[in-house]
Amino acid sequence: MAAFKCESIGVLHKYMRKSTAEKNLVGKVISSFPTSLNIKTSRNELLVISLNKIRSPITINLKPQISNSNFVGLVDYGDHVVRFRDSVSIGERMKLHPAKSIVFKNFFVKPTHAGLNEFSNAAEKILSSLMELRRTGCLLEPEITNQGLLHQFIAETSENNIRNNKDNTKFISTLSHSLMKMCGRGPGFTPSGDDFICGFSSLFNWLSQGLKCPPISLPMKSVCDLTTWISFKFIEYYQKLIFDEQIQGLINSIGEGRTDHFMSLISTLSCRGHTSGIDIGTGLSTALFTFCDRSLGTNLLSKVQTFTEDGNRQKDQYL
């Protein structure tokens, strides 16, 4: 049996560090990749077992072993994850020792209007960076399954901001309705529309906490009906500000007014999955521009439309 040491464990699953005298079913493996496993727990939470370094409140980060640098051949779909004494077994070929692992939980700096101003002035640089990083199938360069989604969302949100300029409750209700139109749409293990929702709702709700605006709270039963369970859980977590340290760094860079650091992290994030990273980054940036337009009186959402239209027009000219 392959034994792995746990370097860190997310706060949502810190209970697994405790020893148990009886065998206790944690959950079942619902998908596996060479360096990560997704587990649906008996508490209806998502547990990610990962050989990557990026920590999150839902992840157990393992130290790669010389004899086992990946999970290939160790885990099958449906394998039981069981706690017993001071270890956790996954199926019959893999065991973890989480007792001494460090607990990871999110930490945020407070948003400020000064930080928002700094980023509103850098909007064109941020958009240029996103357009350079886009790849086929993402919302900035859509295919047939997500064609027009971003354009529709920007148009609706711009009109919503004008119509409900002084009514935050109505604005949030309409904004949530626009986000729901993206749910489950697009390609990818997590659909591109869902990734956008994750990025948008996380940043918007962080800004809402600090700048006293109602948060986004999507109807989660409807979200669950529209997409996969894993994608549904990510949307649920992100809107509750539960996400990995890479996203945390992006959000905190806004509070610190560090635009160059934000763009550097967006570039790193864009490598995640095929379109997941760039779509999350697009969601984060769009939420930032939406909040700037609403609280600072800027007109940044219109620039998103202009950049995406010009960027895709230029690409078409070279085809």
C-alpha atoms as a PDB file:
ATOM      1  CA  MET A   1       0.000   0.000   0.000  1.00  0.00           C
ATOM      2  CA  ALA A   2       1.342   3.442  -0.984  1.00  0.00           C
ATOM      3  CA  ALA A   3       1.654   5.767   2.020  1.00  0.00           C
ATOM      4  CA  PHE A   4       1.684   9.549   1.648  1.00  0.00           C
ATOM      5  CA  LYS A   5       2.543  12.266   4.150  1.00  0.00           C
ATOM      6  CA  CYS A   6       0.131  15.200   4.342  1.00  0.00           C
ATOM      7  CA  GLU A   7       1.758  18.628   4.209  1.00  0.00           C
ATOM      8  CA  SER A   8      -1.428  20.630   4.767  1.00  0.00           C
ATOM      9  CA  ILE A   9      -5.156  20.108   5.192  1.00  0.00           C
ATOM     10  CA  GLY A  10      -7.991  22.525   4.454  1.00  0.00           C
ATOM     11  CA  VAL A  11      -9.973  23.855   7.391  1.00  0.00           C
ATOM     12  CA  LEU A  12     -13.210  22.239   6.110  1.00  0.00           C
ATOM     13  CA  HIS A  13     -11.644  18.818   6.623  1.00  0.00           C
ATOM     14  CA  LYS A  14      -9.443  19.375   9.678  1.00  0.00           C
ATOM     15  CA  TYR A  15     -11.536  16.830  11.594  1.00  0.00           C
ATOM     16  CA  MET A  16      -9.625  14.166   9.659  1.00  0.00           C
ATOM     17  CA  ARG A  17      -6.491  14.909  11.686  1.00  0.00           C
ATOM     18  CA  LYS A  18      -8.096  13.359  14.761  1.00  0.00           C
ATOM     19  CA  SER A  19      -7.611   9.697  15.545  1.00  0.00           C
ATOM     20  CA  THR A  20     -10.700   7.472  15.581  1.00  0.00           C
ATOM     21  CA  ALA A  21     -11.039   4.122  17.330  1.00  0.00           C
ATOM     22  CA  GLU A  22     -13.622   2.837  14.851  1.00  0.00           C
ATOM     23  CA  LYS A  23     -13.624   2.798  11.066  1.00  0.00           C
ATOM     24  CA  ASN A  24     -15.393   5.896   9.780  1.00  0.00           C
ATOM     25  CA  LEU A  25     -16.479   6.395   6.155  1.00  0.00           C
ATOM     26  CA  VAL A  26     -15.314   9.803   4.934  1.00  0.00           C
ATOM     27  CA  GLY A  27     -16.731   9.478   1.431  1.00  0.00           C
ATOM     28  CA  LYS A  28     -16.173   8.056  -2.059  1.00  0.00           C
ATOM     29  CA  VAL A  29     -13.883   8.928  -4.972  1.00  0.00           C
ATOM     30  CA  ILE A  30     -15.963  10.511  -7.749  1.00  0.00           C
ATOM     31  CA  SER A  31     -13.154  11.427 -10.158  1.00  0.00           C
ATOM     32  CA  SER A  32      -9.403  10.955 -10.364  1.00  0.00           C
ATOM     33  CA  PHE A  33      -6.502  12.505 -12.248  1.00  0.00           C
ATOM     34  CA  PRO A  34      -2.753  11.777 -12.139  1.00  0.00           C
ATOM     35  CA  THR A  35      -2.096  14.416  -9.466  1.00  0.00           C
ATOM     36  CA  SER A  36      -5.519  14.958  -7.852  1.00  0.00           C
ATOM     37  CA  LEU A  37      -8.581  13.110  -6.565  1.00  0.00           C
ATOM     38  CA  ASN A  38     -12.085  14.446  -6.012  1.00  0.00           C
ATOM     39  CA  ILE A  39     -14.063  12.914  -3.163  1.00  0.00           C
ATOM     40  CA  LYS A  40     -17.703  13.452  -2.239  1.00  0.00           C
ATOM     41  CA  THR A  41     -17.824  13.198   1.535  1.00  0.00           C
ATOM     42  CA  SER A  42     -20.612  11.835   3.706  1.00  0.00           C
ATOM     43  CA  ARG A  43     -21.063  15.447   4.863  1.00  0.00           C
ATOM     44  CA  ASN A  44     -21.859  16.407   1.246  1.00  0.00           C
ATOM     45  CA  GLU A  45     -18.642  18.389   0.906  1.00  0.00           C
ATOM     46  CA  LEU A  46     -15.967  18.225  -1.786  1.00  0.00           C
ATOM     47  CA  LEU A  47     -12.586  16.940  -0.632  1.00  0.00           C
ATOM     48  CA  VAL A  48      -9.652  17.308  -3.012  1.00  0.00           C
ATOM     49  CA  ILE A  49      -6.529  15.200  -2.503  1.00  0.00           C
ATOM     50  CA  SER A  50      -3.666  16.837  -4.381  1.00  0.00           C
ATOM     51  CA  LEU A  51       0.036  16.442  -5.110  1.00  0.00           C
ATOM     52  CA  ASN A  52       0.165  20.121  -6.098  1.00  0.00           C
ATOM     53  CA  LYS A  53       1.438  22.837  -3.762  1.00  0.00           C
ATOM     54  CA  ILE A  54      -1.561  25.180  -3.954  1.00  0.00           C
ATOM     55  CA  ARG A  55      -3.484  24.997  -0.677  1.00  0.00           C
ATOM     56  CA  SER A  56      -7.186  25.579  -0.104  1.00  0.00           C
ATOM     57  CA  PRO A  57      -9.804  25.047   2.629  1.00  0.00           C
ATOM     58  CA  ILE A  58     -11.098  21.937   0.808  1.00  0.00           C
ATOM     59  CA  THR A  59      -7.765  20.331  -0.089  1.00  0.00           C
ATOM     60  CA  ILE A  60      -5.333  17.887   1.472  1.00  0.00           C
ATOM     61  CA  ASN A  61      -1.887  18.519  -0.030  1.00  0.00           C
ATOM     62  CA  LEU A  62       0.366  15.476  -0.129  1.00  0.00           C
ATOM     63  CA  LYS A  63       4.121  15.225  -0.386  1.00  0.00           C
ATOM     64  CA  PRO A  64       5.070  13.235  -3.513  1.00  0.00           C
ATOM     65  CA  GLN A  65       6.955  10.016  -2.797  1.00  0.00           C
ATOM     66  CA  ILE A  66       9.963   8.760  -4.766  1.00  0.00           C
ATOM     67  CA  SER A  67       8.118   5.530  -5.521  1.00  0.00           C
ATOM     68  CA  ASN A  68       4.746   7.257  -6.099  1.00  0.00           C
ATOM     69  CA  SER A  69       4.892  10.564  -7.959  1.00  0.00           C
ATOM     70  CA  ASN A  70       1.223  10.320  -9.055  1.00  0.00           C
ATOM     71  CA  PHE A  71      -2.015   8.455  -8.343  1.00  0.00           C
ATOM     72  CA  VAL A  72      -2.085   6.366 -11.522  1.00  0.00           C
ATOM     73  CA  GLY A  73      -2.950   2.757 -10.694  1.00  0.00           C
ATOM     74  CA  LEU A  74      -3.608   3.524  -7.030  1.00  0.00           C
ATOM     75  CA  VAL A  75      -7.223   4.726  -7.037  1.00  0.00           C
ATOM     76  CA  ASP A  76     -10.427   3.709  -8.812  1.00  0.00           C
ATOM     77  CA  TYR A  77     -13.769   5.452  -9.214  1.00  0.00           C
ATOM     78  CA  GLY A  78     -16.014   4.632  -6.264  1.00  0.00           C
ATOM     79  CA  ASP A  79     -13.192   3.719  -3.874  1.00  0.00           C
ATOM     80  CA  HIS A  80     -14.155   4.266  -0.240  1.00  0.00           C
ATOM     81  CA  VAL A  81     -12.226   6.793   1.832  1.00  0.00           C
ATOM     82  CA  VAL A  82     -12.058   5.537   5.414  1.00  0.00           C
ATOM     83  CA  ARG A  83     -10.639   7.000   8.636  1.00  0.00           C
ATOM     84  CA  PHE A  84      -9.233   4.545  11.170  1.00  0.00           C
ATOM     85  CA  ARG A  85      -6.941   5.399  14.049  1.00  0.00           C
ATOM     86  CA  ASP A  86      -4.446   7.994  12.812  1.00  0.00           C
ATOM     87  CA  SER A  87      -4.621   7.243   9.077  1.00  0.00           C
ATOM     88  CA  VAL A  88      -6.985   7.582   6.112  1.00  0.00           C
ATOM     89  CA  SER A  89      -7.175   4.844   3.485  1.00  0.00           C
ATOM     90  CA  ILE A  90      -8.387   5.337  -0.084  1.00  0.00           C
ATOM     91  CA  GLY A  91      -9.413   2.024  -1.570  1.00  0.00           C
ATOM     92  CA  GLU A  92      -6.979  -0.792  -0.920  1.00  0.00           C
ATOM     93  CA  ARG A  93      -3.780   0.709  -2.369  1.00  0.00           C
ATOM     94  CA  MET A  94      -3.374   4.168  -0.834  1.00  0.00           C
ATOM     95  CA  LYS A  95      -3.050   5.546   2.698  1.00  0.00           C
ATOM     96  CA  LEU A  96      -2.623   9.071   4.135  1.00  0.00           C
ATOM     97  CA  HIS A  97      -1.313  10.265   7.490  1.00  0.00           C
ATOM     98  CA  PRO A  98      -2.934  13.676   8.161  1.00  0.00           C
ATOM     99  CA  ALA A  99      -2.417  13.963  11.953  1.00  0.00           C
ATOM    100  CA  LYS A 100       0.568  16.339  11.789  1.00  0.00           C
ATOM    101  CA  SER A 101      -0.521  18.372   8.764  1.00  0.00           C
ATOM    102  CA  ILE A 102      -0.838  22.162   8.933  1.00  0.00           C
ATOM    103  CA  VAL A 103      -4.395  23.526   8.680  1.00  0.00           C
ATOM    104  CA  PHE A 104      -5.006  26.048   5.900  1.00  0.00           C
ATOM    105  CA  LYS A 105      -7.758  28.663   6.055  1.00  0.00           C
ATOM    106  CA  ASN A 106      -8.357  31.815   4.057  1.00  0.00           C
ATOM    107  CA  PHE A 107      -7.074  35.207   5.173  1.00  0.00           C
ATOM    108  CA  PHE A 108      -8.139  38.471   3.574  1.00  0.00           C
ATOM    109  CA  VAL A 109      -7.074  42.083   3.700  1.00  0.00           C
ATOM    110  CA  LYS A 110      -9.832  44.698   3.711  1.00  0.00           C
ATOM    111  CA  PRO A 111     -10.861  46.356   0.441  1.00  0.00           C
ATOM    112  CA  THR A 112     -10.596  50.140   0.210  1.00  0.00           C
ATOM    113  CA  HIS A 113     -11.837  52.789  -2.188  1.00  0.00           C
ATOM    114  CA  ALA A 114      -8.190  53.786  -2.697  1.00  0.00           C
ATOM    115  CA  GLY A 115      -7.419  50.242  -3.885  1.00  0.00           C
ATOM    116  CA  LEU A 116     -10.413  50.331  -6.222  1.00  0.00           C
ATOM    117  CA  ASN A 117      -9.239  53.624  -7.679  1.00  0.00           C
ATOM    118  CA  GLU A 118      -5.791  52.184  -8.294  1.00  0.00           C
ATOM    119  CA  PHE A 119      -7.265  49.249 -10.200  1.00  0.00           C
ATOM    120  CA  SER A 120      -9.805  51.308 -12.133  1.00  0.00           C
ATOM    121  CA  ASN A 121      -6.885  53.314 -13.528  1.00  0.00           C
ATOM    122  CA  ALA A 122      -5.225  50.060 -14.615  1.00  0.00           C
ATOM    123  CA  ALA A 123      -8.327  48.624 -16.308  1.00  0.00           C
ATOM    124  CA  GLU A 124      -6.932  48.766 -19.843  1.00  0.00           C
ATOM    125  CA  LYS A 125      -3.700  47.018 -18.802  1.00  0.00           C
ATOM    126  CA  ILE A 126      -5.704  44.275 -17.079  1.00  0.00           C
ATOM    127  CA  LEU A 127      -7.936  43.795 -20.116  1.00  0.00           C
ATOM    128  CA  SER A 128      -4.951  43.712 -22.480  1.00  0.00           C
ATOM    129  CA  SER A 129      -3.358  41.039 -20.317  1.00  0.00           C
ATOM    130  CA  LEU A 130      -6.545  38.937 -20.304  1.00  0.00           C
ATOM    131  CA  MET A 131      -6.852  39.166 -24.087  1.00  0.00           C
ATOM    132  CA  GLU A 132      -3.237  38.041 -24.528  1.00  0.00           C
ATOM    133  CA  LEU A 133      -3.810  35.063 -22.226  1.00  0.00           C
ATOM    134  CA  ARG A 134      -7.122  33.894 -23.729  1.00  0.00           C
ATOM    135  CA  ARG A 135      -7.397  30.520 -25.401  1.00  0.00           C
ATOM    136  CA  THR A 136      -9.958  28.848 -27.652  1.00  0.00           C
ATOM    137  CA  GLY A 137     -13.138  27.880 -25.821  1.00  0.00           C
ATOM    138  CA  CYS A 138     -12.876  30.448 -23.040  1.00  0.00           C
ATOM    139  CA  LEU A 139     -15.433  33.256 -22.729  1.00  0.00           C
ATOM    140  CA  LEU A 140     -13.025  35.758 -24.286  1.00  0.00           C
ATOM    141  CA  GLU A 141     -12.642  33.487 -27.328  1.00  0.00           C
ATOM    142  CA  PRO A 142     -15.866  31.464 -27.268  1.00  0.00           C
ATOM    143  CA  GLU A 143     -16.982  28.411 -29.170  1.00  0.00           C
ATOM    144  CA  ILE A 144     -20.541  27.384 -30.036  1.00  0.00           C
ATOM    145  CA  THR A 145     -21.489  26.277 -26.471  1.00  0.00           C
ATOM    146  CA  ASN A 146     -20.642  29.631 -24.868  1.00  0.00           C
ATOM    147  CA  GLN A 147     -20.914  32.014 -27.805  1.00  0.00           C
ATOM    148  CA  GLY A 148     -22.252  35.423 -26.749  1.00  0.00           C
ATOM    149  CA  LEU A 149     -22.449  34.628 -23.013  1.00  0.00           C
ATOM    150  CA  LEU A 150     -19.973  37.260 -21.855  1.00  0.00           C
ATOM    151  CA  HIS A 151     -21.355  39.854 -24.254  1.00  0.00           C
ATOM    152  CA  GLN A 152     -24.888  39.273 -22.948  1.00  0.00           C
ATOM    153  CA  PHE A 153     -23.776  39.424 -19.305  1.00  0.00           C
ATOM    154  CA  ILE A 154     -21.872  42.691 -19.800  1.00  0.00           C
ATOM    155  CA  ALA A 155     -24.806  44.283 -21.649  1.00  0.00           C
ATOM    156  CA  GLU A 156     -27.327  43.210 -18.997  1.00  0.00           C
ATOM    157  CA  THR A 157     -25.128  44.292 -16.091  1.00  0.00           C
ATOM    158  CA  SER A 158     -24.411  47.693 -17.632  1.00  0.00           C
ATOM    159  CA  GLU A 159     -28.147  48.297 -18.101  1.00  0.00           C
ATOM    160  CA  ASN A 160     -28.859  46.929 -14.618  1.00  0.00           C
ATOM    161  CA  ASN A 161     -26.396  49.404 -13.095  1.00  0.00           C
ATOM    162  CA  ILE A 162     -28.113  52.319 -14.838  1.00  0.00           C
ATOM    163  CA  ARG A 163     -31.677  51.207 -14.059  1.00  0.00           C
ATOM    164  CA  ASN A 164     -31.001  50.336 -10.410  1.00  0.00           C
ATOM    165  CA  ASN A 165     -28.353  52.916  -9.609  1.00  0.00           C
ATOM    166  CA  LYS A 166     -29.766  53.616  -6.135  1.00  0.00           C
ATOM    167  CA  ASP A 167     -31.449  50.282  -5.399  1.00  0.00           C
ATOM    168  CA  ASN A 168     -28.826  47.769  -4.261  1.00  0.00           C
ATOM    169  CA  THR A 169     -31.370  45.041  -3.535  1.00  0.00           C
ATOM    170  CA  LYS A 170     -32.861  45.173  -7.031  1.00  0.00           C
ATOM    171  CA  PHE A 171     -29.391  45.441  -8.572  1.00  0.00           C
ATOM    172  CA  ILE A 172     -28.158  42.270  -6.811  1.00  0.00           C
ATOM    173  CA  SER A 173     -31.329  40.365  -7.680  1.00  0.00           C
ATOM    174  CA  THR A 174     -30.989  41.226 -11.368  1.00  0.00           C
ATOM    175  CA  LEU A 175     -27.237  40.562 -11.312  1.00  0.00           C
ATOM    176  CA  SER A 176     -27.825  37.092  -9.841  1.00  0.00           C
ATOM    177  CA  HIS A 177     -30.368  36.368 -12.576  1.00  0.00           C
ATOM    178  CA  SER A 178     -27.789  37.345 -15.227  1.00  0.00           C
ATOM    179  CA  LEU A 179     -25.161  35.086 -13.634  1.00  0.00           C
ATOM    180  CA  MET A 180     -27.570  32.144 -13.600  1.00  0.00           C
ATOM    181  CA  LYS A 181     -27.842  32.363 -17.392  1.00  0.00           C
ATOM    182  CA  MET A 182     -24.159  31.346 -17.535  1.00  0.00           C
ATOM    183  CA  CYS A 183     -24.509  28.344 -15.223  1.00  0.00           C
ATOM    184  CA  GLY A 184     -23.539  25.027 -16.819  1.00  0.00           C
ATOM    185  CA  ARG A 185     -22.638  26.684 -20.124  1.00  0.00           C
ATOM    186  CA  GLY A 186     -19.468  26.073 -22.095  1.00  0.00           C
ATOM    187  CA  PRO A 187     -16.759  23.411 -22.375  1.00  0.00           C
ATOM    188  CA  GLY A 188     -14.517  21.968 -19.685  1.00  0.00           C
ATOM    189  CA  PHE A 189     -14.538  19.695 -16.627  1.00  0.00           C
ATOM    190  CA  THR A 190     -16.049  22.707 -14.905  1.00  0.00           C
ATOM    191  CA  PRO A 191     -17.985  24.634 -17.617  1.00  0.00           C
ATOM    192  CA  SER A 192     -16.546  28.019 -18.555  1.00  0.00           C
ATOM    193  CA  GLY A 193     -19.711  29.815 -17.453  1.00  0.00           C
ATOM    194  CA  ASP A 194     -19.384  28.231 -13.994  1.00  0.00           C
ATOM    195  CA  ASP A 195     -15.734  29.280 -13.750  1.00  0.00           C
ATOM    196  CA  PHE A 196     -16.758  32.848 -14.576  1.00  0.00           C
ATOM    197  CA  ILE A 197     -19.449  32.711 -11.857  1.00  0.00           C
ATOM    198  CA  CYS A 198     -16.849  31.503  -9.353  1.00  0.00           C
ATOM    199  CA  GLY A 199     -14.468  34.343 -10.108  1.00  0.00           C
ATOM    200  CA  PHE A 200     -17.186  36.992 -10.262  1.00  0.00           C
ATOM    201  CA  SER A 201     -19.047  36.025  -7.087  1.00  0.00           C
ATOM    202  CA  SER A 202     -15.877  35.598  -5.008  1.00  0.00           C
ATOM    203  CA  LEU A 203     -14.493  39.052  -5.744  1.00  0.00           C
ATOM    204  CA  PHE A 204     -17.860  40.786  -5.659  1.00  0.00           C
ATOM    205  CA  ASN A 205     -18.714  39.268  -2.262  1.00  0.00           C
ATOM    206  CA  TRP A 206     -15.295  40.159  -0.833  1.00  0.00           C
ATOM    207  CA  LEU A 207     -15.787  43.765  -1.933  1.00  0.00           C
ATOM    208  CA  SER A 208     -19.346  43.685  -0.577  1.00  0.00           C
ATOM    209  CA  GLN A 209     -18.134  42.656   2.879  1.00  0.00           C
ATOM    210  CA  GLY A 210     -15.715  45.539   3.145  1.00  0.00           C
ATOM    211  CA  LEU A 211     -17.647  48.257   1.334  1.00  0.00           C
ATOM    212  CA  LYS A 212     -21.102  47.514   2.760  1.00  0.00           C
ATOM    213  CA  CYS A 213     -23.072  46.285  -0.236  1.00  0.00           C
ATOM    214  CA  PRO A 214     -25.389  43.239  -0.367  1.00  0.00           C
ATOM    215  CA  PRO A 215     -23.553  40.041  -1.452  1.00  0.00           C
ATOM    216  CA  ILE A 216     -24.459  37.708  -4.297  1.00  0.00           C
ATOM    217  CA  SER A 217     -26.332  34.636  -3.096  1.00  0.00           C
ATOM    218  CA  LEU A 218     -27.324  32.387  -5.970  1.00  0.00           C
ATOM    219  CA  PRO A 219     -30.206  29.864  -5.639  1.00  0.00           C
ATOM    220  CA  MET A 220     -28.047  26.803  -5.048  1.00  0.00           C
ATOM    221  CA  LYS A 221     -30.778  24.239  -5.747  1.00  0.00           C
ATOM    222  CA  SER A 222     -31.155  25.726  -9.233  1.00  0.00           C
ATOM    223  CA  VAL A 223     -27.363  25.797  -9.670  1.00  0.00           C
ATOM    224  CA  CYS A 224     -27.202  22.088  -8.750  1.00  0.00           C
ATOM    225  CA  ASP A 225     -29.858  21.297 -11.363  1.00  0.00           C
ATOM    226  CA  LEU A 226     -27.954  23.132 -14.106  1.00  0.00           C
ATOM    227  CA  THR A 227     -24.429  21.795 -13.725  1.00  0.00           C
ATOM    228  CA  THR A 228     -22.269  18.982 -12.347  1.00  0.00           C
ATOM    229  CA  TRP A 229     -22.024  18.351  -8.610  1.00  0.00           C
ATOM    230  CA  ILE A 230     -18.327  19.304  -8.485  1.00  0.00           C
ATOM    231  CA  SER A 231     -18.923  22.548 -10.361  1.00  0.00           C
ATOM    232  CA  PHE A 232     -21.940  23.266  -8.125  1.00  0.00           C
ATOM    233  CA  LYS A 233     -19.742  22.873  -5.029  1.00  0.00           C
ATOM    234  CA  PHE A 234     -17.094  25.211  -6.407  1.00  0.00           C
ATOM    235  CA  ILE A 235     -19.737  27.885  -7.048  1.00  0.00           C
ATOM    236  CA  GLU A 236     -21.079  27.380  -3.522  1.00  0.00           C
ATOM    237  CA  TYR A 237     -17.606  27.690  -1.995  1.00  0.00           C
ATOM    238  CA  TYR A 238     -16.441  30.654  -4.043  1.00  0.00           C
ATOM    239  CA  GLN A 239     -19.473  32.787  -3.214  1.00  0.00           C
ATOM    240  CA  LYS A 240     -18.808  31.992   0.479  1.00  0.00           C
ATOM    241  CA  LEU A 241     -15.166  33.114   0.005  1.00  0.00           C
ATOM    242  CA  ILE A 242     -13.802  29.580   0.289  1.00  0.00           C
ATOM    243  CA  PHE A 243     -11.101  29.070  -2.344  1.00  0.00           C
ATOM    244  CA  ASP A 244      -7.420  28.347  -2.880  1.00  0.00           C
ATOM    245  CA  GLU A 245      -4.513  30.584  -1.946  1.00  0.00           C
ATOM    246  CA  GLN A 246      -3.911  31.587  -5.574  1.00  0.00           C
ATOM    247  CA  ILE A 247      -7.365  33.195  -5.786  1.00  0.00           C
ATOM    248  CA  GLN A 248      -6.845  34.619  -2.293  1.00  0.00           C
ATOM    249  CA  GLY A 249      -3.624  36.267  -3.490  1.00  0.00           C
ATOM    250  CA  LEU A 250      -5.421  37.840  -6.452  1.00  0.00           C
ATOM    251  CA  ILE A 251      -8.140  39.261  -4.221  1.00  0.00           C
ATOM    252  CA  ASN A 252      -5.732  40.533  -1.578  1.00  0.00           C
ATOM    253  CA  SER A 253      -3.639  42.268  -4.230  1.00  0.00           C
ATOM    254  CA  ILE A 254      -6.671  44.475  -4.930  1.00  0.00           C
ATOM    255  CA  GLY A 255      -6.950  45.386  -1.250  1.00  0.00           C
ATOM    256  CA  GLU A 256      -3.237  46.216  -1.277  1.00  0.00           C
ATOM    257  CA  GLY A 257      -3.501  48.239  -4.513  1.00  0.00           C
ATOM    258  CA  ARG A 258      -0.868  46.043  -6.238  1.00  0.00           C
ATOM    259  CA  THR A 259      -1.944  45.999  -9.878  1.00  0.00           C
ATOM    260  CA  ASP A 260       1.283  44.450 -11.219  1.00  0.00           C
ATOM    261  CA  HIS A 261       1.019  41.601  -8.712  1.00  0.00           C
ATOM    262  CA  PHE A 262      -2.611  41.045  -9.734  1.00  0.00           C
ATOM    263  CA  MET A 263      -1.666  40.752 -13.411  1.00  0.00           C
ATOM    264  CA  SER A 264       1.232  38.439 -12.603  1.00  0.00           C
ATOM    265  CA  LEU A 265      -1.100  36.129 -10.677  1.00  0.00           C
ATOM    266  CA  ILE A 266      -3.693  36.257 -13.492  1.00  0.00           C
ATOM    267  CA  SER A 267      -0.984  35.032 -15.857  1.00  0.00           C
ATOM    268  CA  THR A 268      -0.198  32.127 -13.511  1.00  0.00           C
ATOM    269  CA  LEU A 269      -3.896  31.357 -12.991  1.00  0.00           C
ATOM    270  CA  SER A 270      -4.523  31.238 -16.752  1.00  0.00           C
ATOM    271  CA  CYS A 271      -2.530  27.981 -16.928  1.00  0.00           C
ATOM    272  CA  ARG A 272      -5.096  26.170 -14.752  1.00  0.00           C
ATOM    273  CA  GLY A 273      -7.012  23.583 -16.771  1.00  0.00           C
ATOM    274  CA  HIS A 274      -7.819  24.341 -20.393  1.00  0.00           C
ATOM    275  CA  THR A 275     -10.084  27.363 -19.863  1.00  0.00           C
ATOM    276  CA  SER A 276     -10.829  27.313 -16.109  1.00  0.00           C
ATOM    277  CA  GLY A 277      -8.055  29.684 -15.048  1.00  0.00           C
ATOM    278  CA  ILE A 278      -8.646  32.352 -17.677  1.00  0.00           C
ATOM    279  CA  ASP A 279     -12.432  32.198 -17.170  1.00  0.00           C
ATOM    280  CA  ILE A 280     -12.059  32.584 -13.381  1.00  0.00           C
ATOM    281  CA  GLY A 281      -9.717  35.521 -14.023  1.00  0.00           C
ATOM    282  CA  THR A 282     -12.225  37.051 -16.437  1.00  0.00           C
ATOM    283  CA  GLY A 283     -14.933  36.688 -13.785  1.00  0.00           C
ATOM    284  CA  LEU A 284     -12.749  38.325 -11.132  1.00  0.00           C
ATOM    285  CA  SER A 285     -11.872  41.227 -13.411  1.00  0.00           C
ATOM    286  CA  THR A 286     -15.468  41.735 -14.562  1.00  0.00           C
ATOM    287  CA  ALA A 287     -16.643  41.846 -10.935  1.00  0.00           C
ATOM    288  CA  LEU A 288     -13.951  44.414 -10.202  1.00  0.00           C
ATOM    289  CA  PHE A 289     -15.073  46.602 -13.106  1.00  0.00           C
ATOM    290  CA  THR A 290     -18.737  46.185 -12.127  1.00  0.00           C
ATOM    291  CA  PHE A 291     -18.024  47.315  -8.583  1.00  0.00           C
ATOM    292  CA  CYS A 292     -15.925  50.260  -9.820  1.00  0.00           C
ATOM    293  CA  ASP A 293     -18.720  51.382 -12.147  1.00  0.00           C
ATOM    294  CA  ARG A 294     -21.222  51.158  -9.314  1.00  0.00           C
ATOM    295  CA  SER A 295     -19.226  52.740  -6.489  1.00  0.00           C
ATOM    296  CA  LEU A 296     -16.827  55.090  -8.316  1.00  0.00           C
ATOM    297  CA  GLY A 297     -18.998  56.118 -11.268  1.00  0.00           C
ATOM    298  CA  THR A 298     -16.570  54.775 -13.870  1.00  0.00           C
ATOM    299  CA  ASN A 299     -17.573  53.189 -17.171  1.00  0.00           C
ATOM    300  CA  LEU A 300     -15.287  50.158 -17.269  1.00  0.00           C
ATOM    301  CA  LEU A 301     -17.754  47.471 -18.368  1.00  0.00           C
ATOM    302  CA  SER A 302     -18.071  49.149 -21.742  1.00  0.00           C
ATOM    303  CA  LYS A 303     -14.296  48.772 -22.146  1.00  0.00           C
ATOM    304  CA  VAL A 304     -14.653  45.005 -21.697  1.00  0.00           C
ATOM    305  CA  GLN A 305     -17.010  44.922 -24.674  1.00  0.00           C
ATOM    306  CA  THR A 306     -14.676  47.055 -26.768  1.00  0.00           C
ATOM    307  CA  PHE A 307     -11.580  45.004 -25.955  1.00  0.00           C
ATOM    308  CA  THR A 308     -13.214  41.636 -26.617  1.00  0.00           C
ATOM    309  CA  GLU A 309     -14.770  42.795 -29.892  1.00  0.00           C
ATOM    310  CA  ASP A 310     -11.533  44.394 -31.125  1.00  0.00           C
ATOM    311  CA  GLY A 311      -9.405  41.440 -30.015  1.00  0.00           C
ATOM    312  CA  ASN A 312     -11.526  38.823 -31.765  1.00  0.00           C
ATOM    313  CA  ARG A 313     -11.861  41.029 -34.877  1.00  0.00           C
ATOM    314  CA  GLN A 314      -8.073  41.271 -35.107  1.00  0.00           C
ATOM    315  CA  LYS A 315      -7.741  37.512 -34.726  1.00  0.00           C
ATOM    316  CA  ASP A 316     -10.267  36.907 -37.499  1.00  0.00           C
ATOM    317  CA  GLN A 317      -8.186  39.076 -39.823  1.00  0.00           C
ATOM    318  CA  TYR A 318      -5.240  36.702 -39.429  1.00  0.00           C
ATOM    319  CA  LEU A 319      -7.279  33.532 -40.106  1.00  0.00           C
END
